[in-house]
């Protein structure tokens, strides 16, 4: 292998790190941007998403609880994904949150295109789920290391 080929490999970890930060930045931006609508009870957020969900769950009077719970989980996931040691857990949380969003858009009462805008919210949920899956796979070693710390020690 020539010297130029060997040098190219040296930059691969930097590229992976940059892609990881870009993916984490997207997830954090996505969550933090939409918090303004959830936390301020924007009409589209309440009437378009969370009230139909609360009705579907059989708890129509508890829409604020559902909306705030999702908002707090999204804030936690965005914060965790921005922190390198906890990025894997934030990615898994994001997969769970976006998996739920995809489920409730397709199977639940929300529908694929609740705002008649070309299904932008659904497309963003699918893209964010994909990005989170990429991050979870990329940082799987960190996840295995963290989980292994909680295992009981093997006795000889």
N, C-alpha and C. Protein backbone atom coordinates (compact mmCIF):
# COMPACT_ATOMS: atom_id res chain seq x y z
N UNK A 1 0.85 -1.17 0.00
CA UNK A 1 0.00 0.00 0.00
C UNK A 1 0.89 1.24 0.00
N UNK A 2 0.61 2.19 -0.88
CA UNK A 2 1.45 3.37 -0.95
C UNK A 2 1.14 4.35 0.18
N UNK A 3 2.01 5.34 0.35
CA UNK A 3 1.89 6.29 1.47
C UNK A 3 0.60 7.09 1.39
N UNK A 4 0.16 7.49 0.20
CA UNK A 4 -1.06 8.28 0.06
C UNK A 4 -2.28 7.49 0.51
N UNK A 5 -2.32 6.21 0.21
CA UNK A 5 -3.44 5.37 0.64
C UNK A 5 -3.48 5.25 2.15
N UNK A 6 -2.33 5.09 2.77
CA UNK A 6 -2.27 4.98 4.23
C UNK A 6 -2.72 6.28 4.89
N UNK A 7 -2.35 7.42 4.31
CA UNK A 7 -2.76 8.69 4.88
C UNK A 7 -4.26 8.86 4.82
N UNK A 8 -4.89 8.40 3.77
CA UNK A 8 -6.34 8.53 3.64
C UNK A 8 -7.09 7.84 4.76
N UNK A 9 -6.57 6.70 5.20
CA UNK A 9 -7.24 5.97 6.28
C UNK A 9 -7.17 6.72 7.60
N UNK A 10 -6.14 7.54 7.78
CA UNK A 10 -5.97 8.26 9.03
C UNK A 10 -7.13 9.24 9.26
N UNK A 11 -7.74 9.74 8.21
CA UNK A 11 -8.78 10.75 8.34
C UNK A 11 -10.17 10.15 8.49
N UNK A 12 -10.29 8.86 8.38
CA UNK A 12 -11.61 8.22 8.49
C UNK A 12 -12.27 8.47 9.85
N UNK A 13 -11.56 8.34 10.99
CA UNK A 13 -12.23 8.62 12.27
C UNK A 13 -12.75 10.05 12.36
N UNK A 14 -12.03 11.01 11.77
CA UNK A 14 -12.49 12.39 11.79
C UNK A 14 -13.77 12.55 10.97
N UNK A 15 -13.84 11.86 9.84
CA UNK A 15 -15.04 11.92 9.01
C UNK A 15 -16.22 11.30 9.74
N UNK A 16 -16.00 10.16 10.37
CA UNK A 16 -17.08 9.51 11.13
C UNK A 16 -17.53 10.39 12.27
N UNK A 17 -16.59 11.01 12.96
CA UNK A 17 -16.94 11.92 14.05
C UNK A 17 -17.75 13.10 13.54
N UNK A 18 -17.36 13.66 12.40
CA UNK A 18 -18.10 14.80 11.84
C UNK A 18 -19.52 14.39 11.43
N UNK A 19 -19.65 13.23 10.81
CA UNK A 19 -20.98 12.74 10.41
C UNK A 19 -21.83 12.47 11.66
N UNK A 20 -21.21 11.94 12.69
CA UNK A 20 -21.92 11.68 13.94
C UNK A 20 -22.45 12.98 14.55
N UNK A 21 -21.59 14.02 14.55
CA UNK A 21 -22.02 15.31 15.09
C UNK A 21 -23.12 15.93 14.24
N UNK A 22 -23.02 15.81 12.92
CA UNK A 22 -24.08 16.34 12.05
C UNK A 22 -25.41 15.63 12.30
N UNK A 23 -25.36 14.32 12.44
CA UNK A 23 -26.58 13.55 12.71
C UNK A 23 -27.16 13.93 14.06
N UNK A 24 -26.31 14.05 15.08
CA UNK A 24 -26.79 14.45 16.41
C UNK A 24 -27.36 15.86 16.37
N UNK A 25 -26.71 16.74 15.61
CA UNK A 25 -27.21 18.11 15.48
C UNK A 25 -28.58 18.16 14.82
N UNK A 26 -28.78 17.31 13.81
CA UNK A 26 -30.09 17.27 13.16
C UNK A 26 -31.17 16.85 14.16
N UNK A 27 -30.90 15.79 14.90
CA UNK A 27 -31.89 15.29 15.86
C UNK A 27 -32.21 16.36 16.90
N UNK A 28 -31.17 16.98 17.45
CA UNK A 28 -31.39 18.00 18.47
C UNK A 28 -32.17 19.18 17.89
N UNK A 29 -31.78 19.62 16.70
CA UNK A 29 -32.50 20.73 16.08
C UNK A 29 -33.96 20.36 15.86
N UNK A 30 -34.20 19.18 15.34
CA UNK A 30 -35.57 18.72 15.05
C UNK A 30 -36.42 18.75 16.32
N UNK A 31 -35.89 18.19 17.38
CA UNK A 31 -36.66 18.15 18.63
C UNK A 31 -36.84 19.54 19.23
N UNK A 32 -35.74 20.28 19.36
CA UNK A 32 -35.84 21.59 19.99
C UNK A 32 -36.70 22.56 19.19
N UNK A 33 -36.68 22.46 17.87
CA UNK A 33 -37.52 23.34 17.05
C UNK A 33 -39.00 23.09 17.33
N UNK A 34 -39.40 21.84 17.38
CA UNK A 34 -40.82 21.54 17.55
C UNK A 34 -41.31 21.70 19.00
N UNK A 35 -40.39 21.87 19.94
CA UNK A 35 -40.82 22.06 21.34
C UNK A 35 -41.61 23.35 21.49
N UNK A 36 -41.30 24.36 20.72
CA UNK A 36 -42.03 25.62 20.84
C UNK A 36 -43.52 25.42 20.59
N UNK A 37 -43.86 24.52 19.70
CA UNK A 37 -45.27 24.28 19.41
C UNK A 37 -45.93 23.42 20.48
N UNK A 38 -45.18 22.45 20.99
CA UNK A 38 -45.72 21.58 22.03
C UNK A 38 -45.88 22.32 23.36
N UNK A 39 -44.83 23.00 23.77
CA UNK A 39 -44.84 23.65 25.08
C UNK A 39 -45.74 24.88 25.14
N UNK A 40 -45.97 25.53 24.01
CA UNK A 40 -46.85 26.71 23.97
C UNK A 40 -48.27 26.37 23.54
N UNK A 41 -48.57 25.09 23.43
CA UNK A 41 -49.92 24.62 23.05
C UNK A 41 -50.41 25.27 21.77
N UNK A 42 -49.57 25.26 20.75
CA UNK A 42 -49.97 25.79 19.45
C UNK A 42 -51.18 25.01 18.94
N UNK A 43 -52.08 25.72 18.30
CA UNK A 43 -53.34 25.10 17.87
C UNK A 43 -53.11 23.87 16.99
N UNK A 44 -52.17 23.97 16.06
CA UNK A 44 -51.89 22.83 15.18
C UNK A 44 -51.37 21.63 15.95
N UNK A 45 -50.58 21.89 16.97
CA UNK A 45 -50.03 20.81 17.78
C UNK A 45 -51.12 20.15 18.62
N UNK A 46 -51.97 20.97 19.19
CA UNK A 46 -53.04 20.44 20.04
C UNK A 46 -54.11 19.76 19.21
N UNK A 47 -54.70 20.52 18.29
CA UNK A 47 -55.84 20.00 17.53
C UNK A 47 -55.44 19.02 16.43
N UNK A 48 -54.23 19.19 15.88
CA UNK A 48 -53.81 18.34 14.79
C UNK A 48 -53.18 17.03 15.21
N UNK A 49 -52.55 17.00 16.41
CA UNK A 49 -51.81 15.81 16.80
C UNK A 49 -52.25 15.28 18.16
N UNK A 50 -52.13 16.09 19.20
CA UNK A 50 -52.24 15.54 20.55
C UNK A 50 -53.67 15.34 21.05
N UNK A 51 -54.60 16.18 20.66
CA UNK A 51 -55.99 15.92 21.06
C UNK A 51 -56.55 14.67 20.38
N UNK A 52 -56.29 14.47 19.07
CA UNK A 52 -56.73 13.20 18.47
C UNK A 52 -56.08 11.99 19.14
N UNK A 53 -54.82 12.11 19.54
CA UNK A 53 -54.17 11.01 20.25
C UNK A 53 -54.81 10.76 21.61
N UNK A 54 -55.04 11.83 22.36
CA UNK A 54 -55.67 11.68 23.68
C UNK A 54 -57.06 11.06 23.54
N UNK A 55 -57.81 11.50 22.55
CA UNK A 55 -59.13 10.90 22.30
C UNK A 55 -59.00 9.42 21.96
N UNK A 56 -58.03 9.09 21.13
CA UNK A 56 -57.82 7.70 20.71
C UNK A 56 -57.41 6.83 21.90
N UNK A 57 -56.62 7.42 22.83
CA UNK A 57 -56.22 6.69 24.04
C UNK A 57 -57.37 6.54 25.03
N UNK A 58 -58.46 7.28 24.81
CA UNK A 58 -59.60 7.23 25.73
C UNK A 58 -59.44 8.18 26.91
N UNK A 59 -58.55 9.17 26.80
CA UNK A 59 -58.34 10.14 27.87
C UNK A 59 -58.42 11.55 27.29
N UNK A 60 -59.58 11.95 26.76
CA UNK A 60 -59.69 13.22 26.05
C UNK A 60 -59.34 14.45 26.90
N UNK A 61 -59.53 14.38 28.18
CA UNK A 61 -59.21 15.53 29.04
C UNK A 61 -57.75 15.64 29.40
N UNK A 62 -56.94 14.70 28.96
CA UNK A 62 -55.53 14.67 29.36
C UNK A 62 -54.58 14.97 28.20
N UNK A 63 -55.05 15.73 27.23
CA UNK A 63 -54.18 16.10 26.10
C UNK A 63 -52.92 16.82 26.57
N UNK A 64 -53.00 17.79 27.53
CA UNK A 64 -51.77 18.46 27.95
C UNK A 64 -50.73 17.48 28.54
N UNK A 65 -51.20 16.49 29.27
CA UNK A 65 -50.28 15.50 29.85
C UNK A 65 -49.55 14.74 28.74
N UNK A 66 -50.26 14.32 27.71
CA UNK A 66 -49.66 13.59 26.60
C UNK A 66 -48.65 14.49 25.88
N UNK A 67 -49.06 15.71 25.59
CA UNK A 67 -48.21 16.66 24.87
C UNK A 67 -46.95 16.99 25.67
N UNK A 68 -47.09 17.28 26.95
CA UNK A 68 -45.94 17.62 27.79
C UNK A 68 -45.03 16.41 27.99
N UNK A 69 -45.60 15.24 28.11
CA UNK A 69 -44.77 14.04 28.27
C UNK A 69 -43.89 13.82 27.05
N UNK A 70 -44.48 13.93 25.88
CA UNK A 70 -43.70 13.78 24.64
C UNK A 70 -42.63 14.88 24.57
N UNK A 71 -42.99 16.10 24.91
CA UNK A 71 -42.03 17.21 24.86
C UNK A 71 -40.85 16.96 25.79
N UNK A 72 -41.12 16.52 27.01
CA UNK A 72 -40.03 16.28 27.96
C UNK A 72 -39.13 15.13 27.52
N UNK A 73 -39.73 14.09 26.96
CA UNK A 73 -38.92 12.98 26.44
C UNK A 73 -38.06 13.43 25.26
N UNK A 74 -38.61 14.28 24.41
CA UNK A 74 -37.83 14.79 23.28
C UNK A 74 -36.69 15.70 23.74
N UNK A 75 -36.93 16.50 24.76
CA UNK A 75 -35.86 17.35 25.30
C UNK A 75 -34.76 16.47 25.88
N UNK A 76 -35.14 15.42 26.60
CA UNK A 76 -34.14 14.51 27.16
C UNK A 76 -33.33 13.83 26.05
N UNK A 77 -34.02 13.34 25.02
CA UNK A 77 -33.32 12.67 23.91
C UNK A 77 -32.38 13.63 23.19
N UNK A 78 -32.83 14.86 22.95
CA UNK A 78 -31.99 15.85 22.27
C UNK A 78 -30.76 16.18 23.10
N UNK A 79 -30.93 16.29 24.40
CA UNK A 79 -29.80 16.60 25.28
C UNK A 79 -28.82 15.43 25.32
N UNK A 80 -29.33 14.22 25.42
CA UNK A 80 -28.45 13.04 25.46
C UNK A 80 -27.70 12.84 24.15
N UNK A 81 -28.36 13.09 23.04
CA UNK A 81 -27.72 12.86 21.74
C UNK A 81 -26.61 13.88 21.46
N UNK A 82 -26.67 15.03 22.11
CA UNK A 82 -25.62 16.03 21.93
C UNK A 82 -24.38 15.76 22.78
N UNK A 83 -24.51 14.89 23.76
CA UNK A 83 -23.41 14.56 24.65
C UNK A 83 -22.76 13.27 24.14
N UNK A 84 -21.50 13.35 23.77
CA UNK A 84 -20.82 12.20 23.14
C UNK A 84 -20.96 10.89 23.93
N UNK A 85 -20.72 10.85 25.24
CA UNK A 85 -20.81 9.57 25.95
C UNK A 85 -22.23 8.99 26.01
N UNK A 86 -23.24 9.84 25.90
CA UNK A 86 -24.63 9.35 25.99
C UNK A 86 -25.34 9.38 24.64
N UNK A 87 -24.59 9.63 23.58
CA UNK A 87 -25.20 9.73 22.25
C UNK A 87 -25.95 8.47 21.87
N UNK A 88 -25.42 7.31 22.23
CA UNK A 88 -26.08 6.05 21.89
C UNK A 88 -27.46 5.97 22.55
N UNK A 89 -27.57 6.41 23.81
CA UNK A 89 -28.85 6.34 24.51
C UNK A 89 -29.83 7.36 23.94
N UNK A 90 -29.33 8.55 23.61
CA UNK A 90 -30.18 9.54 22.97
C UNK A 90 -30.69 9.05 21.62
N UNK A 91 -29.83 8.34 20.89
CA UNK A 91 -30.25 7.78 19.60
C UNK A 91 -31.33 6.72 19.78
N UNK A 92 -31.17 5.87 20.81
CA UNK A 92 -32.20 4.86 21.07
C UNK A 92 -33.52 5.50 21.49
N UNK A 93 -33.43 6.55 22.33
CA UNK A 93 -34.65 7.27 22.71
C UNK A 93 -35.32 7.89 21.49
N UNK A 94 -34.50 8.46 20.61
CA UNK A 94 -35.04 9.07 19.39
C UNK A 94 -35.71 8.02 18.52
N UNK A 95 -35.11 6.84 18.42
CA UNK A 95 -35.74 5.77 17.65
C UNK A 95 -37.10 5.41 18.24
N UNK A 96 -37.18 5.35 19.56
CA UNK A 96 -38.46 5.05 20.21
C UNK A 96 -39.49 6.13 19.98
N UNK A 97 -39.08 7.39 20.14
CA UNK A 97 -40.01 8.50 19.95
C UNK A 97 -40.48 8.60 18.50
N UNK A 98 -39.54 8.49 17.57
CA UNK A 98 -39.91 8.59 16.15
C UNK A 98 -40.66 7.35 15.68
N UNK A 99 -40.32 6.19 16.25
CA UNK A 99 -41.09 4.98 15.95
C UNK A 99 -42.54 5.15 16.39
N UNK A 100 -42.73 5.75 17.55
CA UNK A 100 -44.09 6.04 18.02
C UNK A 100 -44.79 7.03 17.11
N UNK A 101 -44.08 8.06 16.68
CA UNK A 101 -44.67 9.04 15.78
C UNK A 101 -45.08 8.40 14.46
N UNK A 102 -44.21 7.57 13.92
CA UNK A 102 -44.52 6.88 12.66
C UNK A 102 -45.73 5.97 12.85
N UNK A 103 -45.76 5.25 13.97
CA UNK A 103 -46.89 4.36 14.25
C UNK A 103 -48.20 5.15 14.32
N UNK A 104 -48.21 6.24 15.08
CA UNK A 104 -49.45 6.99 15.26
C UNK A 104 -49.86 7.75 14.00
N UNK A 105 -48.91 8.05 13.14
CA UNK A 105 -49.26 8.65 11.85
C UNK A 105 -49.88 7.62 10.92
N UNK A 106 -49.37 6.38 10.95
CA UNK A 106 -49.85 5.37 10.00
C UNK A 106 -51.03 4.57 10.52
N UNK A 107 -50.97 4.16 11.77
CA UNK A 107 -52.02 3.30 12.33
C UNK A 107 -53.03 4.10 13.15
N UNK A 108 -52.56 5.13 13.81
CA UNK A 108 -53.39 5.90 14.73
C UNK A 108 -54.26 6.93 14.03
N UNK A 109 -54.80 7.83 14.82
CA UNK A 109 -55.80 8.78 14.32
C UNK A 109 -55.23 10.00 13.61
N UNK A 110 -53.92 10.20 13.64
CA UNK A 110 -53.35 11.44 13.11
C UNK A 110 -53.38 11.45 11.58
N UNK A 111 -53.00 10.34 10.98
CA UNK A 111 -52.92 10.27 9.53
C UNK A 111 -51.55 10.72 9.04
N UNK A 112 -51.24 10.35 7.83
CA UNK A 112 -49.94 10.65 7.25
C UNK A 112 -49.76 12.16 7.03
N UNK A 113 -50.81 12.84 6.66
CA UNK A 113 -50.70 14.26 6.30
C UNK A 113 -51.76 15.10 7.05
N UNK A 114 -51.59 15.28 8.36
CA UNK A 114 -52.63 15.98 9.11
C UNK A 114 -52.73 17.47 8.79
N UNK A 115 -51.68 18.06 8.27
CA UNK A 115 -51.67 19.50 7.99
C UNK A 115 -51.82 19.84 6.51
N UNK A 116 -52.01 18.81 5.67
CA UNK A 116 -52.13 19.01 4.22
C UNK A 116 -50.95 19.79 3.66
N UNK A 117 -49.75 19.40 4.09
CA UNK A 117 -48.53 20.08 3.63
C UNK A 117 -47.58 19.12 2.93
N UNK A 118 -48.12 18.05 2.38
CA UNK A 118 -47.28 17.07 1.71
C UNK A 118 -46.64 16.09 2.69
N UNK A 119 -47.24 15.92 3.85
CA UNK A 119 -46.79 14.97 4.87
C UNK A 119 -45.39 15.30 5.41
N UNK A 120 -45.09 16.59 5.54
CA UNK A 120 -43.75 16.98 6.00
C UNK A 120 -43.44 16.42 7.39
N UNK A 121 -44.39 16.46 8.31
CA UNK A 121 -44.14 15.97 9.66
C UNK A 121 -43.83 14.47 9.65
N UNK A 122 -44.56 13.72 8.85
CA UNK A 122 -44.33 12.28 8.74
C UNK A 122 -42.97 12.00 8.09
N UNK A 123 -42.64 12.73 7.04
CA UNK A 123 -41.34 12.54 6.36
C UNK A 123 -40.19 12.88 7.31
N UNK A 124 -40.34 13.93 8.10
CA UNK A 124 -39.30 14.29 9.05
C UNK A 124 -39.16 13.21 10.12
N UNK A 125 -40.27 12.64 10.56
CA UNK A 125 -40.20 11.55 11.54
C UNK A 125 -39.46 10.35 10.96
N UNK A 126 -39.74 10.01 9.72
CA UNK A 126 -39.05 8.88 9.07
C UNK A 126 -37.56 9.16 8.91
N UNK A 127 -37.22 10.37 8.49
CA UNK A 127 -35.81 10.73 8.30
C UNK A 127 -35.08 10.74 9.65
N UNK A 128 -35.70 11.31 10.67
CA UNK A 128 -35.07 11.37 11.99
C UNK A 128 -34.92 9.98 12.57
N UNK A 129 -35.87 9.10 12.35
CA UNK A 129 -35.75 7.71 12.79
C UNK A 129 -34.55 7.05 12.11
N UNK A 130 -34.39 7.29 10.81
CA UNK A 130 -33.27 6.73 10.06
C UNK A 130 -31.94 7.26 10.58
N UNK A 131 -31.86 8.55 10.82
CA UNK A 131 -30.64 9.15 11.34
C UNK A 131 -30.32 8.59 12.73
N UNK A 132 -31.34 8.43 13.57
CA UNK A 132 -31.13 7.88 14.91
C UNK A 132 -30.65 6.43 14.84
N UNK A 133 -31.18 5.66 13.91
CA UNK A 133 -30.74 4.28 13.73
C UNK A 133 -29.27 4.25 13.32
N UNK A 134 -28.90 5.14 12.40
CA UNK A 134 -27.50 5.25 11.99
C UNK A 134 -26.61 5.56 13.20
N UNK A 135 -27.02 6.52 14.02
CA UNK A 135 -26.23 6.88 15.20
C UNK A 135 -26.15 5.72 16.19
N UNK A 136 -27.24 5.02 16.40
CA UNK A 136 -27.23 3.89 17.33
C UNK A 136 -26.27 2.80 16.85
N UNK A 137 -26.27 2.54 15.56
CA UNK A 137 -25.34 1.54 15.01
C UNK A 137 -23.90 2.05 15.11
N UNK A 138 -23.70 3.31 14.79
CA UNK A 138 -22.37 3.89 14.82
C UNK A 138 -21.77 3.87 16.23
N UNK A 139 -22.60 4.06 17.24
CA UNK A 139 -22.13 4.14 18.63
C UNK A 139 -22.50 2.89 19.43
N UNK A 140 -22.70 1.78 18.75
CA UNK A 140 -23.07 0.55 19.44
C UNK A 140 -21.99 0.10 20.43
N UNK A 141 -20.74 0.37 20.12
CA UNK A 141 -19.66 0.00 21.03
C UNK A 141 -19.78 0.73 22.36
N UNK A 142 -20.17 2.01 22.31
CA UNK A 142 -20.39 2.77 23.54
C UNK A 142 -21.54 2.17 24.34
N UNK A 143 -22.58 1.73 23.64
CA UNK A 143 -23.73 1.12 24.31
C UNK A 143 -23.33 -0.18 24.99
N UNK A 144 -22.58 -1.03 24.28
CA UNK A 144 -22.15 -2.30 24.87
C UNK A 144 -21.24 -2.06 26.06
N UNK A 145 -20.37 -1.07 25.98
CA UNK A 145 -19.49 -0.75 27.10
C UNK A 145 -20.29 -0.30 28.31
N UNK A 146 -21.28 0.56 28.08
CA UNK A 146 -22.09 1.06 29.19
C UNK A 146 -22.90 -0.06 29.83
N UNK A 147 -23.46 -0.92 29.03
CA UNK A 147 -24.26 -2.02 29.56
C UNK A 147 -23.37 -3.02 30.29
N UNK A 148 -22.18 -3.25 29.79
CA UNK A 148 -21.29 -4.23 30.43
C UNK A 148 -20.86 -3.77 31.82
N UNK A 149 -20.86 -2.48 32.08
CA UNK A 149 -20.51 -1.98 33.41
C UNK A 149 -21.53 -2.40 34.46
N UNK A 150 -22.75 -2.73 34.05
CA UNK A 150 -23.81 -3.09 34.98
C UNK A 150 -23.97 -4.59 35.14
N UNK A 151 -23.17 -5.36 34.41
CA UNK A 151 -23.25 -6.81 34.52
C UNK A 151 -22.61 -7.27 35.81
N UNK A 152 -23.11 -8.35 36.34
CA UNK A 152 -22.49 -8.92 37.54
C UNK A 152 -21.13 -9.52 37.16
N UNK A 153 -20.15 -9.36 38.02
CA UNK A 153 -18.84 -9.93 37.68
C UNK A 153 -18.88 -11.44 37.65
N UNK A 154 -18.14 -12.00 36.72
CA UNK A 154 -18.08 -13.46 36.59
C UNK A 154 -17.18 -14.01 37.69
N UNK A 155 -17.64 -15.06 38.34
CA UNK A 155 -16.85 -15.69 39.38
C UNK A 155 -16.09 -16.87 38.79
N UNK A 156 -14.83 -16.95 39.13
CA UNK A 156 -13.99 -18.02 38.58
C UNK A 156 -14.12 -19.30 39.37
